[in-house]
C-alpha atoms as a PDB file:
ATOM      1  CA  MET A   1      78.514 142.598  71.135  1.00  0.00           C
ATOM      2  CA  ASN A   2      78.870 142.944  67.350  1.00  0.00           C
ATOM      3  CA  GLY A   3      77.494 140.555  64.770  1.00  0.00           C
ATOM      4  CA  GLU A   4      80.536 138.276  64.772  1.00  0.00           C
ATOM      5  CA  THR A   5      80.287 137.678  68.501  1.00  0.00           C
ATOM      6  CA  ALA A   6      76.519 137.920  68.996  1.00  0.00           C
ATOM      7  CA  PHE A   7      76.514 134.217  69.975  1.00  0.00           C
ATOM      8  CA  LEU A   8      78.261 135.281  73.203  1.00  0.00           C
ATOM      9  CA  ASP A   9      75.424 137.582  74.311  1.00  0.00           C
ATOM     10  CA  GLY A  10      74.409 137.036  77.938  1.00  0.00           C
ATOM     11  CA  GLY A  11      77.439 134.833  78.641  1.00  0.00           C
ATOM     12  CA  GLY A  12      78.910 136.743  81.581  1.00  0.00           C
ATOM     13  CA  GLU A  13      82.571 137.161  82.519  1.00  0.00           C
ATOM     14  CA  MET A  14      83.944 134.410  80.301  1.00  0.00           C
ATOM     15  CA  ALA A  15      81.925 135.572  77.282  1.00  0.00           C
ATOM     16  CA  ALA A  16      83.676 138.933  77.580  1.00  0.00           C
ATOM     17  CA  ALA A  17      87.047 137.194  78.005  1.00  0.00           C
ATOM     18  CA  ILE A  18      86.401 135.027  74.932  1.00  0.00           C
ATOM     19  CA  GLN A  19      85.553 138.093  72.855  1.00  0.00           C
ATOM     20  CA  VAL A  20      88.801 139.941  73.643  1.00  0.00           C
ATOM     21  CA  HIS A  21      91.114 136.914  73.636  1.00  0.00           C
ATOM     22  CA  ASP A  22      93.771 136.832  70.879  1.00  0.00           C
ATOM     23  CA  TRP A  23      92.494 133.736  69.107  1.00  0.00           C
ATOM     24  CA  SER A  24      94.680 134.432  66.050  1.00  0.00           C
ATOM     25  CA  SER A  25      97.618 133.144  68.118  1.00  0.00           C
ATOM     26  CA  THR A  26      95.883 129.781  68.533  1.00  0.00           C
ATOM     27  CA  PRO A  27      95.000 127.052  66.024  1.00  0.00           C
ATOM     28  CA  LEU A  28      91.361 128.229  66.176  1.00  0.00           C
ATOM     29  CA  GLY A  29      92.162 131.537  64.468  1.00  0.00           C
ATOM     30  CA  PRO A  30      89.983 134.684  64.726  1.00  0.00           C
ATOM     31  CA  ILE A  31      86.410 134.276  65.941  1.00  0.00           C
ATOM     32  CA  ALA A  32      85.120 135.362  62.513  1.00  0.00           C
ATOM     33  CA  ARG A  33      86.542 132.161  61.034  1.00  0.00           C
ATOM     34  CA  TRP A  34      85.159 129.785  63.663  1.00  0.00           C
ATOM     35  CA  PRO A  35      82.863 127.075  62.283  1.00  0.00           C
ATOM     36  CA  ALA A  36      79.174 127.371  63.019  1.00  0.00           C
ATOM     37  CA  ALA A  37      79.227 124.243  65.190  1.00  0.00           C
ATOM     38  CA  LEU A  38      81.807 125.831  67.503  1.00  0.00           C
ATOM     39  CA  LYS A  39      79.954 129.152  67.750  1.00  0.00           C
ATOM     40  CA  ILE A  40      76.684 127.438  68.569  1.00  0.00           C
ATOM     41  CA  ALA A  41      78.317 125.197  71.192  1.00  0.00           C
ATOM     42  CA  VAL A  42      80.181 128.126  72.800  1.00  0.00           C
ATOM     43  CA  GLY A  43      77.030 130.270  72.831  1.00  0.00           C
ATOM     44  CA  MET A  44      75.079 127.541  74.599  1.00  0.00           C
ATOM     45  CA  MET A  45      77.944 126.891  77.018  1.00  0.00           C
ATOM     46  CA  VAL A  46      78.541 130.463  78.179  1.00  0.00           C
ATOM     47  CA  ASN A  47      74.826 130.902  78.811  1.00  0.00           C
ATOM     48  CA  SER A  48      74.692 127.817  81.002  1.00  0.00           C
ATOM     49  CA  ARG A  49      74.995 128.060  84.782  1.00  0.00           C
ATOM     50  CA  PHE A  50      76.296 124.497  84.908  1.00  0.00           C
ATOM     51  CA  PRO A  51      80.106 124.094  84.809  1.00  0.00           C
ATOM     52  CA  LYS A  52      81.045 123.392  81.185  1.00  0.00           C
ATOM     53  CA  CYS A  53      84.212 123.350  79.120  1.00  0.00           C
ATOM     54  CA  ILE A  54      84.651 122.912  75.355  1.00  0.00           C
ATOM     55  CA  VAL A  55      87.755 121.100  74.076  1.00  0.00           C
ATOM     56  CA  TRP A  56      88.224 121.782  70.364  1.00  0.00           C
ATOM     57  CA  GLY A  57      90.317 120.186  67.654  1.00  0.00           C
ATOM     58  CA  ALA A  58      93.446 118.091  67.609  1.00  0.00           C
ATOM     59  CA  ASP A  59      95.217 120.681  69.793  1.00  0.00           C
ATOM     60  CA  LEU A  60      92.512 120.345  72.466  1.00  0.00           C
ATOM     61  CA  ILE A  61      91.964 124.110  72.710  1.00  0.00           C
ATOM     62  CA  THR A  62      90.007 124.974  75.860  1.00  0.00           C
ATOM     63  CA  ILE A  63      87.041 127.359  76.151  1.00  0.00           C
ATOM     64  CA  HIS A  64      84.954 127.389  79.340  1.00  0.00           C
ATOM     65  CA  ASN A  65      82.140 129.265  81.053  1.00  0.00           C
ATOM     66  CA  ASP A  66      81.936 131.186  84.334  1.00  0.00           C
ATOM     67  CA  ALA A  67      80.692 128.189  86.297  1.00  0.00           C
ATOM     68  CA  PHE A  68      83.837 126.243  85.358  1.00  0.00           C
ATOM     69  CA  LEU A  69      86.164 128.721  87.127  1.00  0.00           C
ATOM     70  CA  PRO A  70      85.867 127.085  90.609  1.00  0.00           C
ATOM     71  CA  ILE A  71      86.834 123.757  89.034  1.00  0.00           C
ATOM     72  CA  LEU A  72      90.105 125.346  87.882  1.00  0.00           C
ATOM     73  CA  GLY A  73      90.907 126.996  91.202  1.00  0.00           C
ATOM     74  CA  ASP A  74      94.209 128.889  91.007  1.00  0.00           C
ATOM     75  CA  LYS A  75      95.455 127.199  87.846  1.00  0.00           C
ATOM     76  CA  PRO A  76      96.815 129.585  85.173  1.00  0.00           C
ATOM     77  CA  CYS A  77      94.226 131.007  82.791  1.00  0.00           C
ATOM     78  CA  ALA A  78      92.853 128.043  80.813  1.00  0.00           C
ATOM     79  CA  LEU A  79      91.302 129.996  77.927  1.00  0.00           C
ATOM     80  CA  GLY A  80      92.927 129.019  74.618  1.00  0.00           C
ATOM     81  CA  ARG A  81      95.304 126.508  76.220  1.00  0.00           C
ATOM     82  CA  SER A  82      95.544 122.780  75.642  1.00  0.00           C
ATOM     83  CA  PHE A  83      93.187 120.765  77.852  1.00  0.00           C
ATOM     84  CA  ARG A  84      96.025 118.247  78.196  1.00  0.00           C
ATOM     85  CA  ASP A  85      98.395 120.895  79.627  1.00  0.00           C
ATOM     86  CA  ILE A  86      95.757 122.229  82.025  1.00  0.00           C
ATOM     87  CA  TRP A  87      95.112 118.774  83.521  1.00  0.00           C
ATOM     88  CA  LEU A  88      98.540 117.244  82.957  1.00  0.00           C
ATOM     89  CA  GLU A  89      98.702 115.787  86.484  1.00  0.00           C
ATOM     90  CA  VAL A  90      95.639 113.593  85.789  1.00  0.00           C
ATOM     91  CA  TRP A  91      95.983 113.081  82.055  1.00  0.00           C
ATOM     92  CA  ASP A  92      96.680 109.372  82.445  1.00  0.00           C
ATOM     93  CA  GLU A  93      93.195 109.007  83.976  1.00  0.00           C
ATOM     94  CA  ILE A  94      91.144 111.408  81.833  1.00  0.00           C
ATOM     95  CA  GLY A  95      93.085 111.324  78.557  1.00  0.00           C
ATOM     96  CA  PRO A  96      91.551 108.013  77.420  1.00  0.00           C
ATOM     97  CA  LEU A  97      88.069 109.407  78.126  1.00  0.00           C
ATOM     98  CA  VAL A  98      88.822 112.467  75.980  1.00  0.00           C
ATOM     99  CA  ASP A  99      90.020 110.188  73.170  1.00  0.00           C
ATOM    100  CA  LYS A 100      86.847 108.139  73.488  1.00  0.00           C
ATOM    101  CA  ALA A 101      84.665 111.254  73.136  1.00  0.00           C
ATOM    102  CA  PHE A 102      86.624 112.425  70.075  1.00  0.00           C
ATOM    103  CA  ALA A 103      86.003 108.971  68.634  1.00  0.00           C
ATOM    104  CA  GLY A 104      82.285 109.716  68.883  1.00  0.00           C
ATOM    105  CA  GLU A 105      81.330 107.947  72.128  1.00  0.00           C
ATOM    106  CA  ALA A 106      80.140 109.911  75.131  1.00  0.00           C
ATOM    107  CA  THR A 107      81.246 108.981  78.661  1.00  0.00           C
ATOM    108  CA  PHE A 108      79.328 109.637  81.886  1.00  0.00           C
ATOM    109  CA  ILE A 109      81.038 108.955  85.213  1.00  0.00           C
ATOM    110  CA  GLU A 110      79.778 109.628  88.726  1.00  0.00           C
ATOM    111  CA  ASP A 111      82.052 110.535  91.651  1.00  0.00           C
ATOM    112  CA  PHE A 112      85.291 109.937  89.756  1.00  0.00           C
ATOM    113  CA  PRO A 113      88.289 110.248  92.147  1.00  0.00           C
ATOM    114  CA  LEU A 114      91.302 112.310  91.071  1.00  0.00           C
ATOM    115  CA  THR A 115      94.319 113.915  92.724  1.00  0.00           C
ATOM    116  CA  ILE A 116      94.739 117.372  91.190  1.00  0.00           C
ATOM    117  CA  ASP A 117      96.868 120.447  91.771  1.00  0.00           C
ATOM    118  CA  ARG A 118      94.873 123.659  91.557  1.00  0.00           C
ATOM    119  CA  TYR A 119      96.068 125.460  94.696  1.00  0.00           C
ATOM    120  CA  GLY A 120      99.781 124.654  94.667  1.00  0.00           C
ATOM    121  CA  HIS A 121      99.419 121.285  96.389  1.00  0.00           C
ATOM    122  CA  ALA A 122      98.028 117.807  95.732  1.00  0.00           C
ATOM    123  CA  GLU A 123      94.314 117.600  96.491  1.00  0.00           C
ATOM    124  CA  GLU A 124      92.028 114.566  96.547  1.00  0.00           C
ATOM    125  CA  VAL A 125      88.797 115.429  94.734  1.00  0.00           C
ATOM    126  CA  TRP A 126      85.781 113.777  93.076  1.00  0.00           C
ATOM    127  CA  PHE A 127      83.848 114.811  89.968  1.00  0.00           C
ATOM    128  CA  THR A 128      80.684 113.674  88.233  1.00  0.00           C
ATOM    129  CA  PHE A 129      81.027 114.540  84.550  1.00  0.00           C
ATOM    130  CA  CYS A 130      80.156 113.738  80.960  1.00  0.00           C
ATOM    131  CA  TYR A 131      82.434 114.064  77.944  1.00  0.00           C
ATOM    132  CA  SER A 132      80.185 114.420  74.874  1.00  0.00           C
ATOM    133  CA  PRO A 133      81.262 114.727  71.223  1.00  0.00           C
ATOM    134  CA  ILE A 134      80.416 117.923  69.296  1.00  0.00           C
ATOM    135  CA  ARG A 135      79.612 117.230  65.623  1.00  0.00           C
ATOM    136  CA  ASP A 136      79.283 119.557  62.647  1.00  0.00           C
ATOM    137  CA  GLU A 137      76.478 119.453  60.090  1.00  0.00           C
ATOM    138  CA  THR A 138      78.159 116.528  58.308  1.00  0.00           C
ATOM    139  CA  GLY A 139      78.457 114.426  61.454  1.00  0.00           C
ATOM    140  CA  ARG A 140      82.198 114.870  61.939  1.00  0.00           C
ATOM    141  CA  VAL A 141      83.415 115.128  65.566  1.00  0.00           C
ATOM    142  CA  LEU A 142      85.282 118.434  65.858  1.00  0.00           C
ATOM    143  CA  GLY A 143      85.393 118.774  69.601  1.00  0.00           C
ATOM    144  CA  ILE A 144      83.916 117.651  72.877  1.00  0.00           C
ATOM    145  CA  ILE A 145      82.089 119.328  75.727  1.00  0.00           C
ATOM    146  CA  ASP A 146      82.910 118.557  79.349  1.00  0.00           C
ATOM    147  CA  THR A 147      79.869 118.991  81.598  1.00  0.00           C
ATOM    148  CA  VAL A 148      81.049 118.592  85.158  1.00  0.00           C
ATOM    149  CA  MET A 149      80.073 118.935  88.792  1.00  0.00           C
ATOM    150  CA  GLU A 150      82.494 118.624  91.675  1.00  0.00           C
ATOM    151  CA  THR A 151      81.232 116.180  94.304  1.00  0.00           C
ATOM    152  CA  THR A 152      84.170 116.347  96.719  1.00  0.00           C
ATOM    153  CA  GLY A 153      82.035 117.669  99.584  1.00  0.00           C
ATOM    154  CA  LYS A 154      79.496 114.880  99.220  1.00  0.00           C
ATOM    155  CA  MET A 155      82.133 112.159  98.996  1.00  0.00           C
ATOM    156  CA  GLU A 156      84.059 113.472 102.003  1.00  0.00           C
ATOM    157  CA  ALA A 157      80.827 113.637 103.997  1.00  0.00           C
ATOM    158  CA  GLU A 158      80.030 110.037 103.085  1.00  0.00           C
ATOM    159  CA  ARG A 159      83.544 108.914 103.970  1.00  0.00           C
ATOM    160  CA  ASN A 160      83.452 110.807 107.262  1.00  0.00           C
ATOM    161  CA  GLY A 161      80.079 109.247 107.971  1.00  0.00           C
ATOM    162  CA  ARG A 162      81.497 105.766 107.454  1.00  0.00           C
ATOM    163  CA  LEU A 163      84.461 106.576 109.691  1.00  0.00           C
ATOM    164  CA  LEU A 164      82.166 108.005 112.353  1.00  0.00           C
ATOM    165  CA  ASN A 165      79.925 104.929 112.257  1.00  0.00           C
ATOM    166  CA  ALA A 166      82.962 102.687 112.589  1.00  0.00           C
ATOM    167  CA  GLU A 167      84.219 104.800 115.487  1.00  0.00           C
ATOM    168  CA  LEU A 168      80.817 104.718 117.176  1.00  0.00           C
ATOM    169  CA  ALA A 169      80.678 100.941 116.791  1.00  0.00           C
ATOM    170  CA  HIS A 170      84.139 100.705 118.338  1.00  0.00           C
ATOM    171  CA  ARG A 171      83.133 103.019 121.179  1.00  0.00           C
ATOM    172  CA  MET A 172      79.924 101.091 121.822  1.00  0.00           C
ATOM    173  CA  LYS A 173      81.928  97.866 122.081  1.00  0.00           C
ATOM    174  CA  ASN A 174      84.353  99.456 124.514  1.00  0.00           C
ATOM    175  CA  THR A 175      81.535 101.002 126.537  1.00  0.00           C
ATOM    176  CA  LEU A 176      79.637  97.725 126.832  1.00  0.00           C
ATOM    177  CA  ALA A 177      82.843  95.973 127.851  1.00  0.00           C
ATOM    178  CA  MET A 178      83.475  98.667 130.466  1.00  0.00           C
ATOM    179  CA  ILE A 179      79.931  98.391 131.828  1.00  0.00           C
ATOM    180  CA  ALA A 180      80.271  94.614 132.018  1.00  0.00           C
ATOM    181  CA  ALA A 181      83.546  94.953 133.929  1.00  0.00           C
ATOM    182  CA  ILE A 182      82.092  97.577 136.264  1.00  0.00           C
ATOM    183  CA  ALA A 183      79.035  95.422 136.955  1.00  0.00           C
ATOM    184  CA  SER A 184      81.143  92.339 137.606  1.00  0.00           C
ATOM    185  CA  GLN A 185      83.487  94.150 139.980  1.00  0.00           C
ATOM    186  CA  THR A 186      80.643  95.961 141.736  1.00  0.00           C
ATOM    187  CA  PHE A 187      78.656  92.822 142.520  1.00  0.00           C
ATOM    188  CA  ARG A 188      81.836  91.011 143.527  1.00  0.00           C
ATOM    189  CA  SER A 189      82.930  93.624 146.088  1.00  0.00           C
ATOM    190  CA  ALA A 190      79.582  94.856 147.468  1.00  0.00           C
ATOM    191  CA  GLU A 191      78.405  93.377 150.750  1.00  0.00           C
ATOM    192  CA  THR A 192      74.686  93.294 149.850  1.00  0.00           C
ATOM    193  CA  LEU A 193      72.615  93.145 146.688  1.00  0.00           C
ATOM    194  CA  GLU A 194      70.991  96.484 147.520  1.00  0.00           C
ATOM    195  CA  GLU A 195      74.393  98.125 147.931  1.00  0.00           C
ATOM    196  CA  ALA A 196      75.599  96.675 144.645  1.00  0.00           C
ATOM    197  CA  GLN A 197      72.516  97.939 142.795  1.00  0.00           C
ATOM    198  CA  SER A 198      72.928 101.449 144.216  1.00  0.00           C
ATOM    199  CA  ILE A 199      76.652 101.640 143.472  1.00  0.00           C
ATOM    200  CA  LEU A 200      76.235 100.221 139.968  1.00  0.00           C
ATOM    201  CA  SER A 201      73.472 102.709 139.149  1.00  0.00           C
ATOM    202  CA  ASP A 202      75.684 105.577 140.337  1.00  0.00           C
ATOM    203  CA  ARG A 203      78.670 104.399 138.321  1.00  0.00           C
ATOM    204  CA  ILE A 204      76.669 103.920 135.124  1.00  0.00           C
ATOM    205  CA  ALA A 205      75.111 107.377 135.531  1.00  0.00           C
ATOM    206  CA  THR A 206      78.605 108.857 135.821  1.00  0.00           C
ATOM    207  CA  LEU A 207      79.683 106.965 132.712  1.00  0.00           C
ATOM    208  CA  GLY A 208      76.606 108.278 130.896  1.00  0.00           C
ATOM    209  CA  GLU A 209      77.444 111.879 131.783  1.00  0.00           C
ATOM    210  CA  ALA A 210      81.000 111.416 130.471  1.00  0.00           C
ATOM    211  CA  HIS A 211      79.537 109.985 127.256  1.00  0.00           C
ATOM    212  CA  SER A 212      77.308 113.045 126.859  1.00  0.00           C
ATOM    213  CA  ILE A 213      80.321 115.347 127.132  1.00  0.00           C
ATOM    214  CA  LEU A 214      82.252 113.325 124.561  1.00  0.00           C
ATOM    215  CA  THR A 215      79.298 113.187 122.183  1.00  0.00           C
ATOM    216  CA  ARG A 216      79.227 116.994 122.032  1.00  0.00           C
ATOM    217  CA  SER A 217      82.767 116.921 120.630  1.00  0.00           C
ATOM    218  CA  SER A 218      82.197 113.932 118.291  1.00  0.00           C
ATOM    219  CA  TRP A 219      84.202 111.667 120.619  1.00  0.00           C
ATOM    220  CA  SER A 220      87.466 113.388 119.726  1.00  0.00           C
ATOM    221  CA  SER A 221      88.224 114.736 123.220  1.00  0.00           C
ATOM    222  CA  ALA A 222      86.600 116.309 126.267  1.00  0.00           C
ATOM    223  CA  PRO A 223      87.466 119.348 128.436  1.00  0.00           C
ATOM    224  CA  ILE A 224      88.720 118.281 131.848  1.00  0.00           C
ATOM    225  CA  ARG A 225      86.614 120.866 133.686  1.00  0.00           C
ATOM    226  CA  ALA A 226      83.390 119.552 132.129  1.00  0.00           C
ATOM    227  CA  VAL A 227      84.392 115.982 133.003  1.00  0.00           C
ATOM    228  CA  ILE A 228      85.068 116.870 136.660  1.00  0.00           C
ATOM    229  CA  ASP A 229      81.950 119.031 137.017  1.00  0.00           C
ATOM    230  CA  GLY A 230      79.800 116.294 135.501  1.00  0.00           C
ATOM    231  CA  ALA A 231      81.177 113.640 137.846  1.00  0.00           C
ATOM    232  CA  LEU A 232      80.812 115.833 140.948  1.00  0.00           C
ATOM    233  CA  ALA A 233      77.395 117.315 140.146  1.00  0.00           C
ATOM    234  CA  PRO A 234      75.392 114.665 142.092  1.00  0.00           C
ATOM    235  CA  HIS A 235      77.520 115.284 145.199  1.00  0.00           C
ATOM    236  CA  ARG A 236      77.331 119.076 145.356  1.00  0.00           C
ATOM    237  CA  SER A 237      73.997 118.904 147.148  1.00  0.00           C
ATOM    238  CA  ASP A 238      75.646 117.050 150.037  1.00  0.00           C
ATOM    239  CA  ILE A 239      77.182 118.775 153.027  1.00  0.00           C
ATOM    240  CA  GLY A 240      80.768 119.980 152.801  1.00  0.00           C
ATOM    241  CA  THR A 241      82.375 122.109 150.130  1.00  0.00           C
ATOM    242  CA  ILE A 242      83.949 121.156 146.822  1.00  0.00           C
ATOM    243  CA  ARG A 243      86.362 123.582 145.146  1.00  0.00           C
ATOM    244  CA  VAL A 244      87.539 122.942 141.572  1.00  0.00           C
ATOM    245  CA  GLU A 245      90.292 124.856 139.810  1.00  0.00           C
ATOM    246  CA  GLY A 246      92.654 124.320 136.913  1.00  0.00           C
ATOM    247  CA  PRO A 247      93.482 125.562 133.417  1.00  0.00           C
ATOM    248  CA  PRO A 248      91.668 124.406 130.246  1.00  0.00           C
ATOM    249  CA  LEU A 249      92.806 121.031 128.940  1.00  0.00           C
ATOM    250  CA  GLN A 250      91.407 118.467 126.519  1.00  0.00           C
ATOM    251  CA  LEU A 251      91.450 114.794 127.521  1.00  0.00           C
ATOM    252  CA  THR A 252      91.269 111.770 125.249  1.00  0.00           C
ATOM    253  CA  ALA A 253      88.010 109.822 125.313  1.00  0.00           C
ATOM    254  CA  ASP A 254      89.414 106.966 127.429  1.00  0.00           C
ATOM    255  CA  GLN A 255      91.032 109.377 129.876  1.00  0.00           C
ATOM    256  CA  ALA A 256      87.820 111.404 130.198  1.00  0.00           C
ATOM    257  CA  MET A 257      85.708 108.355 131.077  1.00  0.00           C
ATOM    258  CA  THR A 258      88.282 106.990 133.505  1.00  0.00           C
ATOM    259  CA  LEU A 259      88.724 110.342 135.258  1.00  0.00           C
ATOM    260  CA  ALA A 260      84.950 110.781 135.539  1.00  0.00           C
ATOM    261  CA  LEU A 261      84.595 107.380 137.213  1.00  0.00           C
ATOM    262  CA  ALA A 262      87.587 108.039 139.496  1.00  0.00           C
ATOM    263  CA  ALA A 263      86.255 111.459 140.565  1.00  0.00           C
ATOM    264  CA  ASN A 264      82.878 109.885 141.300  1.00  0.00           C
ATOM    265  CA  GLU A 265      84.533 107.162 143.426  1.00  0.00           C
ATOM    266  CA  LEU A 266      86.544 109.715 145.380  1.00  0.00           C
ATOM    267  CA  ALA A 267      83.455 111.876 145.925  1.00  0.00           C
ATOM    268  CA  THR A 268      81.330 108.895 147.004  1.00  0.00           C
ATOM    269  CA  ASN A 269      83.934 107.878 149.599  1.00  0.00           C
ATOM    270  CA  ALA A 270      84.219 111.478 150.772  1.00  0.00           C
ATOM    271  CA  VAL A 271      80.450 111.612 151.311  1.00  0.00           C
ATOM    272  CA  LYS A 272      80.450 108.317 153.246  1.00  0.00           C
ATOM    273  CA  TYR A 273      83.628 108.578 155.272  1.00  0.00           C
ATOM    274  CA  GLY A 274      85.568 111.735 154.448  1.00  0.00           C
ATOM    275  CA  ALA A 275      85.417 115.492 154.151  1.00  0.00           C
ATOM    276  CA  LEU A 276      81.969 115.643 152.539  1.00  0.00           C
ATOM    277  CA  SER A 277      80.389 113.766 155.463  1.00  0.00           C
ATOM    278  CA  VAL A 278      80.493 116.855 157.694  1.00  0.00           C
ATOM    279  CA  GLU A 279      79.531 120.498 157.163  1.00  0.00           C
ATOM    280  CA  THR A 280      83.049 121.761 157.953  1.00  0.00           C
ATOM    281  CA  GLY A 281      84.708 119.451 155.416  1.00  0.00           C
ATOM    282  CA  GLU A 282      86.264 120.650 152.181  1.00  0.00           C
ATOM    283  CA  VAL A 283      87.507 118.945 149.045  1.00  0.00           C
ATOM    284  CA  SER A 284      89.985 120.721 146.787  1.00  0.00           C
ATOM    285  CA  VAL A 285      90.199 119.404 143.218  1.00  0.00           C
ATOM    286  CA  ARG A 286      92.928 121.024 141.151  1.00  0.00           C
ATOM    287  CA  TRP A 287      95.269 120.322 138.286  1.00  0.00           C
ATOM    288  CA  SER A 288      98.275 121.941 136.637  1.00  0.00           C
ATOM    289  CA  VAL A 289      99.498 121.596 133.062  1.00  0.00           C
ATOM    290  CA  GLY A 290     102.575 122.235 130.931  1.00  0.00           C
ATOM    291  CA  ARG A 291     103.186 122.672 127.225  1.00  0.00           C
ATOM    292  CA  PRO A 292     101.096 120.325 125.045  1.00  0.00           C
ATOM    293  CA  GLN A 293     102.726 117.072 123.906  1.00  0.00           C
ATOM    294  CA  THR A 294     105.967 117.674 125.807  1.00  0.00           C
ATOM    295  CA  GLU A 295     107.627 116.086 128.815  1.00  0.00           C
ATOM    296  CA  ASP A 296     106.261 118.924 130.983  1.00  0.00           C
ATOM    297  CA  ALA A 297     104.339 117.665 134.003  1.00  0.00           C
ATOM    298  CA  PHE A 298     100.612 117.232 134.349  1.00  0.00           C
ATOM    299  CA  ARG A 299      99.427 116.947 137.946  1.00  0.00           C
ATOM    300  CA  PHE A 300      95.942 116.186 139.247  1.00  0.00           C
ATOM    301  CA  GLU A 301      95.152 116.453 142.963  1.00  0.00           C
ATOM    302  CA  TRP A 302      92.206 115.550 145.192  1.00  0.00           C
ATOM    303  CA  ILE A 303      92.804 116.853 148.708  1.00  0.00           C
ATOM    304  CA  GLU A 304      90.373 116.524 151.609  1.00  0.00           C
ATOM    305  CA  ARG A 305      90.474 118.457 154.872  1.00  0.00           C
ATOM    306  CA  GLY A 306      88.181 119.270 157.766  1.00  0.00           C
ATOM    307  CA  GLY A 307      86.529 115.855 157.874  1.00  0.00           C
ATOM    308  CA  PRO A 308      86.678 113.053 160.432  1.00  0.00           C
ATOM    309  CA  PRO A 309      90.002 111.275 161.007  1.00  0.00           C
ATOM    310  CA  VAL A 310      90.935 109.084 158.028  1.00  0.00           C
ATOM    311  CA  ALA A 311      92.161 105.504 158.160  1.00  0.00           C
ATOM    312  CA  LYS A 312      93.239 103.238 155.311  1.00  0.00           C
ATOM    313  CA  PRO A 313      90.426 100.837 154.389  1.00  0.00           C
ATOM    314  CA  ARG A 314      90.815  97.221 155.477  1.00  0.00           C
ATOM    315  CA  ARG A 315      90.080  95.848 151.990  1.00  0.00           C
ATOM    316  CA  GLN A 316      90.584  97.147 148.489  1.00  0.00           C
ATOM    317  CA  GLY A 317      87.472  97.225 146.338  1.00  0.00           C
ATOM    318  CA  PHE A 318      86.810  98.139 142.720  1.00  0.00           C
ATOM    319  CA  GLY A 319      86.818 101.874 143.501  1.00  0.00           C
ATOM    320  CA  SER A 320      90.288 101.730 145.012  1.00  0.00           C
ATOM    321  CA  ARG A 321      91.662  99.761 142.078  1.00  0.00           C
ATOM    322  CA  LEU A 322      90.067 102.252 139.688  1.00  0.00           C
ATOM    323  CA  VAL A 323      91.569 105.384 141.253  1.00  0.00           C
ATOM    324  CA  GLU A 324      94.979 103.759 141.608  1.00  0.00           C
ATOM    325  CA  ARG A 325      95.768 101.162 138.926  1.00  0.00           C
ATOM    326  CA  VAL A 326      93.352 102.088 136.142  1.00  0.00           C
ATOM    327  CA  MET A 327      94.056 105.835 136.368  1.00  0.00           C
ATOM    328  CA  ALA A 328      97.809 105.183 136.313  1.00  0.00           C
ATOM    329  CA  GLN A 329      97.379 102.955 133.274  1.00  0.00           C
ATOM    330  CA  LYS A 330      95.113 105.291 131.256  1.00  0.00           C
ATOM    331  CA  PHE A 331      97.295 108.336 131.945  1.00  0.00           C
ATOM    332  CA  GLN A 332     100.569 106.392 131.770  1.00  0.00           C
ATOM    333  CA  GLY A 333     101.617 108.009 135.006  1.00  0.00           C
ATOM    334  CA  GLU A 334     101.964 107.447 138.747  1.00  0.00           C
ATOM    335  CA  VAL A 335      99.347 107.638 141.491  1.00  0.00           C
ATOM    336  CA  GLU A 336      99.929 108.503 145.133  1.00  0.00           C
ATOM    337  CA  LEU A 337      97.098 107.733 147.562  1.00  0.00           C
ATOM    338  CA  ASP A 338      97.822 108.968 151.087  1.00  0.00           C
ATOM    339  CA  TYR A 339      95.305 108.258 153.872  1.00  0.00           C
ATOM    340  CA  ARG A 340      96.447 111.075 156.151  1.00  0.00           C
ATOM    341  CA  PRO A 341      94.535 111.474 159.440  1.00  0.00           C
ATOM    342  CA  GLU A 342      93.650 115.074 158.536  1.00  0.00           C
ATOM    343  CA  GLY A 343      92.242 114.053 155.173  1.00  0.00           C
ATOM    344  CA  LEU A 344      92.737 111.908 152.067  1.00  0.00           C
ATOM    345  CA  ARG A 345      95.320 113.111 149.567  1.00  0.00           C
ATOM    346  CA  TYR A 346      95.228 111.695 146.033  1.00  0.00           C
ATOM    347  CA  VAL A 347      97.760 112.763 143.387  1.00  0.00           C
ATOM    348  CA  LEU A 348      98.153 111.644 139.761  1.00  0.00           C
ATOM    349  CA  THR A 349     101.282 112.742 137.884  1.00  0.00           C
ATOM    350  CA  THR A 350     102.204 112.152 134.261  1.00  0.00           C
ATOM    351  CA  THR A 351     103.585 114.113 131.319  1.00  0.00           C
ATOM    352  CA  MET A 352     101.726 116.271 128.820  1.00  0.00           C
ATOM    353  CA  ALA A 353     102.915 113.925 126.061  1.00  0.00           C
ATOM    354  CA  ASN A 354     100.788 111.209 127.657  1.00  0.00           C
ATOM    355  CA  ILE A 355      97.688 113.283 128.167  1.00  0.00           C
ATOM    356  CA  ALA A 356      97.274 115.657 125.217  1.00  0.00           C
ATOM    357  CA  PRO A 357      95.060 114.207 122.456  1.00  0.00           C
ATOM    358  CA  ARG A 358      96.929 113.623 119.200  1.00  0.00           C
ATOM    359  CA  GLU A 359      95.713 115.389 116.084  1.00  0.00           C
END
């Protein structure tokens, strides 16, 4: 660069843009006539790797460095324009701070929230910045320098962390309440203490496996196949055959836990009294789906065959209430439980609008 623009040496892309810009069309006039204070400030700014922007004079003429470009996003070229026009959508918030700096008082603010438009839409962002006055050799304030760092990522992470902690606290409450209910019902319906302890341990283990699946997806939803496989895993070493088939589908957290418990109850009964109690027995677990969040049908089936003759139980315990009433409630659908002599047939039907997790 020549002698008049030597202060821009080493300043990168914006230094080159500043050199060729038509400054005579702005209140600053040609670079040769710029005051020494401005040249020194611009030279220091363009050679900084920290996002910086100089706002000069009563017209708030803007000059910035390379690192400031991401702050601007897709806004029109800011070089030589009024700082007020560039940030018009947030001028009510930052204008007073600019005035304060021009009055000679610096301002430092951390994680300042703003709603800006730099990509054609409103965007919630946060910045940590300092507006500092720039003085000439006589002490007059001729401009200010904006030193800024966007902290949107950090603030969103902190907010998401708070939301996640609140969600985890809510889930823990629900889980403890569910365990308490399961324990109460188990000890109420079991015939012996030993039986109650065994059944309760099995049910809590199933609940724990469902929790593990949900944890992998941050408790947003769980794939139905993983839920079924997790609930049936302890029973696959028993005699009889279990066949599972169905298309991919995400379940809500409550539905995933309820289905896991229901599948475990059905499998436990099949091992004791049904198709999984004999080598020739077979259990078919299948489901069909429709279009997400529509009135199309969702259908889940548990069908046993090849086992000993089936009879309806004389009393209804917690397991029966779970697979009938609780499943119908959580899926907002209907349950059909048919104790056919050739094998138990269990069917849950609902709509996709009731089963697909909302965004």
